[in-house]
Each structure stands twice: as C-alpha cells, then as structure tokens.
Amino acid sequence: MPNWKVHRWFGRCLGIRLSDQAMRKVDRTLDYPTLLGVRLPHKSLHNVLGVMEAYRLYGPEGARYAMLHLILDRMFKGRRGKMLEALISY
C-alpha cells in the first residue's frame, strides 16, 4: 500500500480541501485507531466506520479523503504501492 504522502498527493490532485495536518489525522485514524485511549488492531477502521469518523472530524471533505485512502490502499498493495511512491517522489 502507498504511504501517507501518496494519499495526500492524490487528495490535493483531486481537489480535497483539507490541510496536511487534517489529512494526517484521517490517515492515523484509519490505520492506527484508538477507542477511549485504547489502541485498536491495525486498520480495524478500514471500513465505513472510519469514513464516518473522518466525516465527524472534518465533514464531507474528511469523508472524501478517507474513501480515497481506502481505495488507494486496496488498489496499490505491495510492489505496486512502492512503485507508485517512487514515481511520485521522483
């Protein structure tokens, strides 16, 4: 899967109007969720609950960015994600 820089790059290209800090918070919420201060299993919010949490935090733009994050993670697993990172950072 691509790293968070790739997610943010695509988000900006697609016109998602969130700050880098807000995008990082959505990324962290999806990949490393917590509940009442307890860390949940890695990516346990990689579903509609994560999108709803992003919506709660940042409104429709947060939900759009969360959906983009989930789509990119599913599309670019393993080597494809690493190749995409290399292309974007070039």
N, C-alpha and C. Protein backbone atom coordinates (compact mmCIF):
# COMPACT_ATOMS: atom_id res chain seq x y z
N MET A 1 0.83 -1.18 0.00
CA MET A 1 0.00 0.00 0.00
C MET A 1 0.88 1.24 0.00
N PRO A 2 0.43 2.30 -0.60
CA PRO A 2 1.24 3.51 -0.65
C PRO A 2 1.30 4.18 0.72
N ASN A 3 2.36 4.96 0.92
CA ASN A 3 2.45 5.65 2.20
C ASN A 3 1.55 6.87 2.20
N TRP A 4 1.48 7.53 3.34
CA TRP A 4 0.53 8.62 3.50
C TRP A 4 0.85 9.82 2.61
N LYS A 5 2.11 9.99 2.24
CA LYS A 5 2.46 11.10 1.33
C LYS A 5 1.74 10.91 -0.02
N VAL A 6 1.65 9.69 -0.46
CA VAL A 6 0.96 9.39 -1.72
C VAL A 6 -0.54 9.69 -1.57
N HIS A 7 -1.11 9.32 -0.44
CA HIS A 7 -2.53 9.62 -0.20
C HIS A 7 -2.76 11.13 -0.27
N ARG A 8 -1.90 11.89 0.41
CA ARG A 8 -2.06 13.35 0.42
C ARG A 8 -1.86 13.94 -0.96
N TRP A 9 -0.91 13.41 -1.72
CA TRP A 9 -0.66 13.91 -3.09
C TRP A 9 -1.91 13.72 -3.95
N PHE A 10 -2.49 12.51 -3.90
CA PHE A 10 -3.72 12.26 -4.66
C PHE A 10 -4.85 13.15 -4.16
N GLY A 11 -4.96 13.32 -2.86
CA GLY A 11 -6.00 14.17 -2.30
C GLY A 11 -5.92 15.59 -2.83
N ARG A 12 -4.71 16.15 -2.86
CA ARG A 12 -4.55 17.51 -3.40
C ARG A 12 -4.86 17.54 -4.89
N CYS A 13 -4.41 16.53 -5.64
CA CYS A 13 -4.69 16.48 -7.08
C CYS A 13 -6.18 16.39 -7.36
N LEU A 14 -6.92 15.74 -6.49
CA LEU A 14 -8.36 15.58 -6.69
C LEU A 14 -9.17 16.73 -6.07
N GLY A 15 -8.48 17.72 -5.54
CA GLY A 15 -9.16 18.91 -5.03
C GLY A 15 -9.77 18.78 -3.65
N ILE A 16 -9.30 17.83 -2.87
CA ILE A 16 -9.80 17.70 -1.50
C ILE A 16 -9.21 18.83 -0.67
N ARG A 17 -10.08 19.60 -0.06
CA ARG A 17 -9.65 20.81 0.65
C ARG A 17 -9.50 20.55 2.14
N LEU A 18 -8.43 19.85 2.48
CA LEU A 18 -8.05 19.62 3.87
C LEU A 18 -6.58 20.01 4.02
N SER A 19 -6.22 20.46 5.19
CA SER A 19 -4.80 20.75 5.46
C SER A 19 -4.03 19.44 5.54
N ASP A 20 -2.71 19.54 5.41
CA ASP A 20 -1.87 18.34 5.56
C ASP A 20 -2.07 17.73 6.95
N GLN A 21 -2.20 18.59 7.95
CA GLN A 21 -2.40 18.10 9.32
C GLN A 21 -3.72 17.32 9.43
N ALA A 22 -4.78 17.82 8.83
CA ALA A 22 -6.06 17.12 8.86
C ALA A 22 -5.97 15.80 8.11
N MET A 23 -5.28 15.79 6.96
CA MET A 23 -5.12 14.55 6.20
C MET A 23 -4.34 13.52 7.01
N ARG A 24 -3.29 13.96 7.70
CA ARG A 24 -2.52 13.04 8.54
C ARG A 24 -3.39 12.46 9.65
N LYS A 25 -4.26 13.30 10.24
CA LYS A 25 -5.15 12.83 11.30
C LYS A 25 -6.11 11.76 10.77
N VAL A 26 -6.65 11.97 9.57
CA VAL A 26 -7.54 10.97 8.97
C VAL A 26 -6.75 9.69 8.70
N ASP A 27 -5.55 9.81 8.13
CA ASP A 27 -4.71 8.63 7.87
C ASP A 27 -4.46 7.86 9.16
N ARG A 28 -4.08 8.58 10.21
CA ARG A 28 -3.79 7.94 11.50
C ARG A 28 -5.05 7.28 12.07
N THR A 29 -6.18 7.94 11.94
CA THR A 29 -7.45 7.40 12.45
C THR A 29 -7.80 6.09 11.75
N LEU A 30 -7.57 6.03 10.43
CA LEU A 30 -7.89 4.82 9.68
C LEU A 30 -6.91 3.69 9.95
N ASP A 31 -5.61 4.00 9.98
CA ASP A 31 -4.59 2.95 10.08
C ASP A 31 -4.25 2.56 11.52
N TYR A 32 -4.35 3.51 12.45
CA TYR A 32 -3.97 3.25 13.85
C TYR A 32 -5.06 3.78 14.79
N PRO A 33 -6.26 3.20 14.75
CA PRO A 33 -7.38 3.73 15.52
C PRO A 33 -7.24 3.49 17.02
N THR A 34 -7.88 4.37 17.78
CA THR A 34 -7.97 4.20 19.23
C THR A 34 -9.43 4.39 19.64
N LEU A 35 -9.78 3.79 20.75
CA LEU A 35 -11.12 3.94 21.31
C LEU A 35 -10.96 4.10 22.81
N LEU A 36 -11.38 5.24 23.32
CA LEU A 36 -11.25 5.55 24.75
C LEU A 36 -9.81 5.39 25.24
N GLY A 37 -8.87 5.80 24.40
CA GLY A 37 -7.46 5.73 24.77
C GLY A 37 -6.81 4.38 24.58
N VAL A 38 -7.57 3.40 24.10
CA VAL A 38 -7.03 2.05 23.88
C VAL A 38 -6.80 1.87 22.39
N ARG A 39 -5.60 1.42 22.04
CA ARG A 39 -5.26 1.20 20.64
C ARG A 39 -5.98 -0.03 20.13
N LEU A 40 -6.70 0.13 19.02
CA LEU A 40 -7.39 -0.98 18.38
C LEU A 40 -6.45 -1.67 17.40
N PRO A 41 -6.78 -2.87 16.93
CA PRO A 41 -5.93 -3.55 15.95
C PRO A 41 -5.69 -2.68 14.71
N HIS A 42 -4.51 -2.83 14.14
CA HIS A 42 -4.12 -2.07 12.96
C HIS A 42 -5.20 -2.15 11.88
N LYS A 43 -5.60 -1.02 11.37
CA LYS A 43 -6.58 -0.90 10.28
C LYS A 43 -7.96 -1.45 10.63
N SER A 44 -8.30 -1.50 11.90
CA SER A 44 -9.63 -2.02 12.24
C SER A 44 -10.74 -1.05 11.83
N LEU A 45 -10.40 0.19 11.50
CA LEU A 45 -11.40 1.13 10.99
C LEU A 45 -11.27 1.34 9.48
N HIS A 46 -10.71 0.36 8.79
CA HIS A 46 -10.61 0.44 7.32
C HIS A 46 -11.95 0.01 6.72
N ASN A 47 -12.99 0.75 7.04
CA ASN A 47 -14.33 0.43 6.58
C ASN A 47 -15.21 1.67 6.74
N VAL A 48 -16.49 1.48 6.67
CA VAL A 48 -17.42 2.61 6.74
C VAL A 48 -17.32 3.35 8.08
N LEU A 49 -16.95 2.65 9.15
CA LEU A 49 -16.79 3.33 10.44
C LEU A 49 -15.68 4.37 10.39
N GLY A 50 -14.60 4.05 9.69
CA GLY A 50 -13.51 5.01 9.53
C GLY A 50 -13.95 6.22 8.73
N VAL A 51 -14.73 5.99 7.69
CA VAL A 51 -15.25 7.10 6.87
C VAL A 51 -16.18 7.97 7.71
N MET A 52 -17.00 7.34 8.54
CA MET A 52 -17.91 8.10 9.39
C MET A 52 -17.14 8.93 10.42
N GLU A 53 -16.06 8.39 10.96
CA GLU A 53 -15.24 9.13 11.91
C GLU A 53 -14.57 10.31 11.23
N ALA A 54 -14.07 10.12 10.02
CA ALA A 54 -13.47 11.22 9.26
C ALA A 54 -14.51 12.30 8.97
N TYR A 55 -15.73 11.88 8.68
CA TYR A 55 -16.82 12.84 8.46
C TYR A 55 -17.11 13.62 9.75
N ARG A 56 -17.12 12.92 10.86
CA ARG A 56 -17.36 13.59 12.15
C ARG A 56 -16.28 14.62 12.44
N LEU A 57 -15.04 14.28 12.13
CA LEU A 57 -13.92 15.18 12.42
C LEU A 57 -13.84 16.36 11.44
N TYR A 58 -14.04 16.09 10.14
CA TYR A 58 -13.75 17.10 9.11
C TYR A 58 -14.85 17.29 8.08
N GLY A 59 -16.02 16.74 8.31
CA GLY A 59 -17.12 16.95 7.38
C GLY A 59 -16.96 16.17 6.08
N PRO A 60 -17.65 16.61 5.02
CA PRO A 60 -17.63 15.89 3.75
C PRO A 60 -16.24 15.73 3.15
N GLU A 61 -15.38 16.74 3.31
CA GLU A 61 -14.02 16.63 2.77
C GLU A 61 -13.24 15.53 3.49
N GLY A 62 -13.44 15.41 4.79
CA GLY A 62 -12.79 14.34 5.54
C GLY A 62 -13.25 12.97 5.09
N ALA A 63 -14.55 12.84 4.82
CA ALA A 63 -15.09 11.57 4.35
C ALA A 63 -14.55 11.24 2.96
N ARG A 64 -14.46 12.25 2.08
CA ARG A 64 -13.90 12.02 0.74
C ARG A 64 -12.45 11.55 0.82
N TYR A 65 -11.69 12.20 1.70
CA TYR A 65 -10.29 11.82 1.84
C TYR A 65 -10.17 10.40 2.43
N ALA A 66 -11.01 10.07 3.39
CA ALA A 66 -10.98 8.71 3.97
C ALA A 66 -11.30 7.67 2.90
N MET A 67 -12.30 7.94 2.06
CA MET A 67 -12.64 6.99 0.99
C MET A 67 -11.47 6.85 0.01
N LEU A 68 -10.82 7.97 -0.32
CA LEU A 68 -9.65 7.91 -1.19
C LEU A 68 -8.56 7.05 -0.56
N HIS A 69 -8.31 7.24 0.72
CA HIS A 69 -7.30 6.45 1.43
C HIS A 69 -7.61 4.95 1.30
N LEU A 70 -8.86 4.58 1.55
CA LEU A 70 -9.23 3.16 1.48
C LEU A 70 -9.09 2.61 0.08
N ILE A 71 -9.49 3.39 -0.92
CA ILE A 71 -9.39 2.95 -2.32
C ILE A 71 -7.93 2.76 -2.71
N LEU A 72 -7.08 3.73 -2.39
CA LEU A 72 -5.66 3.62 -2.73
C LEU A 72 -5.02 2.42 -2.06
N ASP A 73 -5.35 2.18 -0.79
CA ASP A 73 -4.77 1.03 -0.10
C ASP A 73 -5.18 -0.28 -0.75
N ARG A 74 -6.40 -0.37 -1.23
CA ARG A 74 -6.85 -1.60 -1.88
C ARG A 74 -6.27 -1.76 -3.28
N MET A 75 -6.11 -0.65 -3.99
CA MET A 75 -5.62 -0.71 -5.37
C MET A 75 -4.11 -0.95 -5.45
N PHE A 76 -3.36 -0.40 -4.50
CA PHE A 76 -1.91 -0.41 -4.62
C PHE A 76 -1.25 -1.12 -3.45
N LYS A 77 -1.47 -2.42 -3.36
CA LYS A 77 -0.83 -3.22 -2.32
C LYS A 77 0.54 -3.67 -2.78
N GLY A 78 1.43 -3.87 -1.84
CA GLY A 78 2.73 -4.46 -2.13
C GLY A 78 3.59 -3.66 -3.08
N ARG A 79 4.11 -4.33 -4.10
CA ARG A 79 5.03 -3.70 -5.04
C ARG A 79 4.43 -2.53 -5.79
N ARG A 80 3.17 -2.65 -6.16
CA ARG A 80 2.54 -1.55 -6.89
C ARG A 80 2.54 -0.28 -6.05
N GLY A 81 2.33 -0.39 -4.76
CA GLY A 81 2.36 0.77 -3.87
C GLY A 81 3.74 1.38 -3.80
N LYS A 82 4.77 0.55 -3.73
CA LYS A 82 6.15 1.04 -3.68
C LYS A 82 6.53 1.70 -5.00
N MET A 83 6.08 1.14 -6.12
CA MET A 83 6.37 1.75 -7.42
C MET A 83 5.69 3.12 -7.53
N LEU A 84 4.46 3.21 -7.06
CA LEU A 84 3.73 4.46 -7.09
C LEU A 84 4.43 5.51 -6.24
N GLU A 85 4.91 5.12 -5.07
CA GLU A 85 5.68 6.05 -4.20
C GLU A 85 6.91 6.57 -4.94
N ALA A 86 7.62 5.67 -5.59
CA ALA A 86 8.84 6.06 -6.31
C ALA A 86 8.52 7.03 -7.44
N LEU A 87 7.44 6.78 -8.17
CA LEU A 87 7.07 7.67 -9.27
C LEU A 87 6.71 9.06 -8.78
N ILE A 88 5.96 9.12 -7.70
CA ILE A 88 5.51 10.42 -7.19
C ILE A 88 6.68 11.19 -6.56
N SER A 89 7.60 10.50 -5.91
CA SER A 89 8.71 11.20 -5.27
C SER A 89 9.82 11.56 -6.26
N TYR A 90 9.75 11.05 -7.49
CA TYR A 90 10.76 11.32 -8.49
C TYR A 90 10.63 12.71 -8.95
